[in-house]
Amino acid sequence: YPADSTIAKGAVAALLVGSQFGGTMSPISSAHNALAAQLMPASLDLGWLHWFMATAPVAHAALFLSWLWIMFSYGLFNQEIQLKPTEGGKKE
């Protein structure tokens, strides 16, 4: 990438944000989820599927909004990515 490109910074931010919000979809993926699962009343009896069903819409909305934030913050809507072809095939 060119020296003035922010693509690498945006990719790192996307990785961090994506793992954080993706992790909220599992009850044991983070300390705050494990604590929330322990503090819930036993009558709720939320299993994995119910947890995913409850958290998936919030996580997906957060991921979409974060994607927009990253794209605007790093100016990635305006950058053109140019891929250079590589020589393929068998080496002799």
C-alpha atoms as a PDB file:
ATOM      1  CA  TYR A   1       0.000   0.000   0.000  1.00  0.00           C
ATOM      2  CA  PRO A   2       1.131   3.562  -0.496  1.00  0.00           C
ATOM      3  CA  ALA A   3       2.658   5.291   2.515  1.00  0.00           C
ATOM      4  CA  ASP A   4      -0.302   7.656   2.877  1.00  0.00           C
ATOM      5  CA  SER A   5      -2.887   4.834   2.787  1.00  0.00           C
ATOM      6  CA  THR A   6      -5.039   4.207   5.849  1.00  0.00           C
ATOM      7  CA  ILE A   7      -6.182   0.775   4.723  1.00  0.00           C
ATOM      8  CA  ALA A   8      -3.895  -1.097   7.130  1.00  0.00           C
ATOM      9  CA  LYS A   9      -5.028   1.019  10.087  1.00  0.00           C
ATOM     10  CA  GLY A  10      -8.659   0.489   9.128  1.00  0.00           C
ATOM     11  CA  ALA A  11      -8.110  -3.265   8.830  1.00  0.00           C
ATOM     12  CA  VAL A  12      -6.603  -3.429  12.320  1.00  0.00           C
ATOM     13  CA  ALA A  13      -9.483  -1.384  13.738  1.00  0.00           C
ATOM     14  CA  ALA A  14     -11.988  -3.647  11.966  1.00  0.00           C
ATOM     15  CA  LEU A  15     -10.322  -6.736  13.423  1.00  0.00           C
ATOM     16  CA  LEU A  16     -10.446  -5.346  16.951  1.00  0.00           C
ATOM     17  CA  VAL A  17     -14.020  -4.095  16.733  1.00  0.00           C
ATOM     18  CA  GLY A  18     -15.247  -7.226  14.963  1.00  0.00           C
ATOM     19  CA  SER A  19     -13.773  -9.546  17.555  1.00  0.00           C
ATOM     20  CA  GLN A  20     -15.256  -7.492  20.379  1.00  0.00           C
ATOM     21  CA  PHE A  21     -18.805  -7.450  19.022  1.00  0.00           C
ATOM     22  CA  GLY A  22     -18.578 -10.982  17.694  1.00  0.00           C
ATOM     23  CA  GLY A  23     -17.519 -12.080  21.165  1.00  0.00           C
ATOM     24  CA  THR A  24     -20.666 -10.693  22.726  1.00  0.00           C
ATOM     25  CA  MET A  25     -22.643 -13.387  20.943  1.00  0.00           C
ATOM     26  CA  SER A  26     -21.235 -16.147  23.180  1.00  0.00           C
ATOM     27  CA  PRO A  27     -22.045 -16.401  26.884  1.00  0.00           C
ATOM     28  CA  ILE A  28     -18.496 -17.429  27.830  1.00  0.00           C
ATOM     29  CA  SER A  29     -16.490 -15.308  25.415  1.00  0.00           C
ATOM     30  CA  SER A  30     -15.753 -12.536  27.884  1.00  0.00           C
ATOM     31  CA  ALA A  31     -15.776 -11.852  31.580  1.00  0.00           C
ATOM     32  CA  HIS A  32     -18.794  -9.530  31.465  1.00  0.00           C
ATOM     33  CA  ASN A  33     -20.856 -12.153  29.595  1.00  0.00           C
ATOM     34  CA  ALA A  34     -19.885 -14.887  32.064  1.00  0.00           C
ATOM     35  CA  LEU A  35     -20.783 -12.579  34.958  1.00  0.00           C
ATOM     36  CA  ALA A  36     -24.122 -11.678  33.373  1.00  0.00           C
ATOM     37  CA  ALA A  37     -24.908 -15.361  32.846  1.00  0.00           C
ATOM     38  CA  GLN A  38     -24.107 -16.091  36.510  1.00  0.00           C
ATOM     39  CA  LEU A  39     -26.210 -13.198  37.817  1.00  0.00           C
ATOM     40  CA  MET A  40     -29.316 -14.078  35.798  1.00  0.00           C
ATOM     41  CA  PRO A  41     -32.118 -15.748  37.700  1.00  0.00           C
ATOM     42  CA  ALA A  42     -32.243 -19.520  37.260  1.00  0.00           C
ATOM     43  CA  SER A  43     -35.812 -19.209  36.005  1.00  0.00           C
ATOM     44  CA  LEU A  44     -34.553 -17.616  32.766  1.00  0.00           C
ATOM     45  CA  ASP A  45     -32.477 -20.697  31.852  1.00  0.00           C
ATOM     46  CA  LEU A  46     -30.798 -19.121  28.832  1.00  0.00           C
ATOM     47  CA  GLY A  47     -28.908 -21.695  26.822  1.00  0.00           C
ATOM     48  CA  TRP A  48     -26.507 -21.034  23.970  1.00  0.00           C
ATOM     49  CA  LEU A  49     -29.203 -20.777  21.317  1.00  0.00           C
ATOM     50  CA  HIS A  50     -31.291 -18.339  23.352  1.00  0.00           C
ATOM     51  CA  TRP A  51     -28.207 -16.276  24.139  1.00  0.00           C
ATOM     52  CA  PHE A  52     -27.305 -16.095  20.439  1.00  0.00           C
ATOM     53  CA  MET A  53     -30.861 -15.185  19.502  1.00  0.00           C
ATOM     54  CA  ALA A  54     -30.875 -12.365  22.061  1.00  0.00           C
ATOM     55  CA  THR A  55     -27.457 -10.952  21.219  1.00  0.00           C
ATOM     56  CA  ALA A  56     -27.216 -11.475  17.449  1.00  0.00           C
ATOM     57  CA  PRO A  57     -29.398  -8.501  16.409  1.00  0.00           C
ATOM     58  CA  VAL A  58     -27.523  -6.141  18.743  1.00  0.00           C
ATOM     59  CA  ALA A  59     -24.112  -7.460  17.662  1.00  0.00           C
ATOM     60  CA  HIS A  60     -24.953  -7.227  13.969  1.00  0.00           C
ATOM     61  CA  ALA A  61     -26.261  -3.681  14.326  1.00  0.00           C
ATOM     62  CA  ALA A  62     -23.142  -2.719  16.286  1.00  0.00           C
ATOM     63  CA  LEU A  63     -20.914  -4.308  13.637  1.00  0.00           C
ATOM     64  CA  PHE A  64     -22.657  -2.403  10.855  1.00  0.00           C
ATOM     65  CA  LEU A  65     -22.418   0.918  12.704  1.00  0.00           C
ATOM     66  CA  SER A  66     -18.780   0.216  13.541  1.00  0.00           C
ATOM     67  CA  TRP A  67     -18.059  -0.567   9.892  1.00  0.00           C
ATOM     68  CA  LEU A  68     -19.526   2.807   8.916  1.00  0.00           C
ATOM     69  CA  TRP A  69     -17.495   4.531  11.633  1.00  0.00           C
ATOM     70  CA  ILE A  70     -14.256   2.864  10.490  1.00  0.00           C
ATOM     71  CA  MET A  71     -14.924   3.618   6.830  1.00  0.00           C
ATOM     72  CA  PHE A  72     -15.588   7.307   7.543  1.00  0.00           C
ATOM     73  CA  SER A  73     -12.867   7.701  10.199  1.00  0.00           C
ATOM     74  CA  TYR A  74     -10.113   6.358   7.994  1.00  0.00           C
ATOM     75  CA  GLY A  75     -11.503   7.776   4.758  1.00  0.00           C
ATOM     76  CA  LEU A  76     -11.763   4.345   3.196  1.00  0.00           C
ATOM     77  CA  PHE A  77     -14.755   5.189   1.008  1.00  0.00           C
ATOM     78  CA  ASN A  78     -12.509   7.409  -1.110  1.00  0.00           C
ATOM     79  CA  GLN A  79      -9.476   5.139  -1.434  1.00  0.00           C
ATOM     80  CA  GLU A  80      -8.893   3.043  -4.474  1.00  0.00           C
ATOM     81  CA  ILE A  81      -7.259  -0.322  -3.969  1.00  0.00           C
ATOM     82  CA  GLN A  82      -4.936  -1.377  -6.743  1.00  0.00           C
ATOM     83  CA  LEU A  83      -3.920  -5.007  -6.793  1.00  0.00           C
ATOM     84  CA  LYS A  84      -0.744  -5.928  -8.598  1.00  0.00           C
ATOM     85  CA  PRO A  85      -0.782  -9.206 -10.471  1.00  0.00           C
ATOM     86  CA  THR A  86       1.703 -11.812  -9.363  1.00  0.00           C
ATOM     87  CA  GLU A  87       3.375 -14.400 -11.484  1.00  0.00           C
ATOM     88  CA  GLY A  88       1.740 -17.736 -10.880  1.00  0.00           C
ATOM     89  CA  GLY A  89       2.462 -21.186 -12.081  1.00  0.00           C
ATOM     90  CA  LYS A  90       5.117 -23.740 -11.416  1.00  0.00           C
ATOM     91  CA  LYS A  91       8.641 -22.788 -10.561  1.00  0.00           C
ATOM     92  CA  GLU A  92      11.319 -24.732 -12.356  1.00  0.00           C
END
